[in-house]
Amino acid sequence: MKKPDYTILVCNSYRVAGDAQGFCNKQGASSFVQYISEECADRGLDALVTTTACLSLCSQGPVVAIMPNNFWYGGVTKDKIDEILDALEEGKAAEEYLIA
């Protein structure tokens, strides 16, 4: 099995009990997964896109992290996703949205 070039983590605020109930989920982060997956495929980016448990950055959510680059983005919207992926295609970070 070939490892993808990128793993894109979308915080979906899952808690220990398994329920998605935090800020990122309430802000619609779960809808990002399909959108990011489709955009990556359209752009030829080899990426695995998945949701995560709470990333503990609720005050900056919705949060998306891209590995192995270690780019952490906050306040993510669908419009920002396009800019983030544009930068990723160029091997760069979308600096204005980085939180860590």
Protein backbone atom coordinates (compact mmCIF):
# COMPACT_ATOMS: atom_id res chain seq x y z
CA MET A 1 0.00 0.00 0.00
CA LYS A 2 1.31 3.41 -0.98
CA LYS A 3 1.19 6.05 1.71
CA PRO A 4 -0.53 9.29 0.55
CA ASP A 5 1.56 12.44 0.17
CA TYR A 6 -0.73 14.32 2.56
CA THR A 7 -3.06 13.50 5.41
CA ILE A 8 -5.64 16.23 5.95
CA LEU A 9 -7.26 16.17 9.37
CA VAL A 10 -10.58 17.97 9.82
CA CYS A 11 -11.56 18.51 13.45
CA ASN A 12 -15.07 17.23 13.93
CA SER A 13 -15.16 17.66 17.71
CA TYR A 14 -15.72 14.01 18.64
CA ARG A 15 -15.64 13.55 22.40
CA VAL A 16 -14.68 10.53 24.51
CA ALA A 17 -18.27 9.26 24.38
CA GLY A 18 -18.06 9.34 20.58
CA ASP A 19 -20.46 12.20 19.98
CA ALA A 20 -19.51 15.08 17.69
CA GLN A 21 -20.68 18.05 19.69
CA GLY A 22 -18.05 20.78 19.85
CA PHE A 23 -17.41 24.04 18.05
CA CYS A 24 -15.90 22.73 14.82
CA ASN A 25 -18.77 20.31 14.28
CA LYS A 26 -21.35 23.00 15.01
CA GLN A 27 -19.64 25.25 12.46
CA GLY A 28 -20.11 22.64 9.70
CA ALA A 29 -16.64 21.11 9.61
CA SER A 30 -18.10 17.71 8.75
CA SER A 31 -19.16 19.09 5.35
CA PHE A 32 -15.51 19.93 4.59
CA VAL A 33 -14.44 16.30 4.21
CA GLN A 34 -16.21 15.59 0.93
CA TYR A 35 -15.37 19.04 -0.43
CA ILE A 36 -11.65 18.72 0.38
CA SER A 37 -11.56 15.15 -0.98
CA GLU A 38 -13.11 16.22 -4.27
CA GLU A 39 -10.89 19.29 -4.57
CA CYS A 40 -7.75 17.22 -3.91
CA ALA A 41 -8.80 14.71 -6.57
CA ASP A 42 -9.54 17.50 -9.08
CA ARG A 43 -6.14 19.07 -8.37
CA GLY A 44 -4.22 15.79 -8.51
CA LEU A 45 -3.18 16.03 -4.86
CA ASP A 46 -2.56 12.61 -3.32
CA ALA A 47 -4.31 13.12 0.02
CA LEU A 48 -6.19 11.13 2.62
CA VAL A 49 -8.89 13.33 4.16
CA THR A 50 -10.40 12.31 7.49
CA THR A 51 -12.15 13.71 10.56
CA THR A 52 -10.67 13.70 14.03
CA ALA A 53 -11.66 13.95 17.63
CA CYS A 54 -11.44 17.39 19.22
CA LEU A 55 -8.07 19.01 18.48
CA SER A 56 -8.52 21.28 21.55
CA LEU A 57 -8.34 24.54 19.59
CA CYS A 58 -12.05 25.37 19.79
CA SER A 59 -11.47 29.12 20.02
CA GLN A 60 -9.81 28.95 16.59
CA GLY A 61 -12.16 26.48 14.90
CA PRO A 62 -13.04 25.04 12.56
CA VAL A 63 -9.54 23.58 12.49
CA VAL A 64 -7.83 21.71 9.63
CA ALA A 65 -4.31 20.25 9.91
CA ILE A 66 -2.20 19.05 6.98
CA MET A 67 0.48 16.44 7.55
CA PRO A 68 3.37 15.84 7.10
CA ASN A 69 3.77 19.60 6.58
CA ASN A 70 2.39 20.30 10.07
CA PHE A 71 0.26 23.18 8.75
CA TRP A 72 -2.55 23.98 11.22
CA TYR A 73 -5.33 26.27 10.00
CA GLY A 74 -8.08 27.95 12.00
CA GLY A 75 -11.34 29.67 11.19
CA VAL A 76 -11.59 27.49 8.11
CA THR A 77 -14.41 28.04 5.61
CA LYS A 78 -14.99 26.55 2.16
CA ASP A 79 -13.53 29.72 0.59
CA LYS A 80 -10.41 29.40 2.74
CA ILE A 81 -10.10 25.72 1.80
CA ASP A 82 -9.61 26.74 -1.83
CA GLU A 83 -6.81 29.12 -0.85
CA ILE A 84 -5.24 26.52 1.45
CA LEU A 85 -5.22 23.92 -1.33
CA ASP A 86 -3.91 26.48 -3.85
CA ALA A 87 -0.94 27.07 -1.56
CA LEU A 88 -0.46 23.34 -0.95
CA GLU A 89 -0.25 22.76 -4.72
CA GLU A 90 2.68 25.20 -4.73
CA GLY A 91 4.30 23.47 -1.75
CA LYS A 92 3.56 26.42 0.53
CA ALA A 93 1.34 27.29 3.46
CA ALA A 94 -1.57 29.73 3.24
CA GLU A 95 0.22 31.91 5.80
CA GLU A 96 -2.71 34.17 6.74
CA TYR A 97 -4.75 31.22 8.09
CA LEU A 98 -2.00 29.39 10.01
CA ILE A 99 -2.56 29.05 13.74
CA ALA A 100 0.39 26.88 14.70
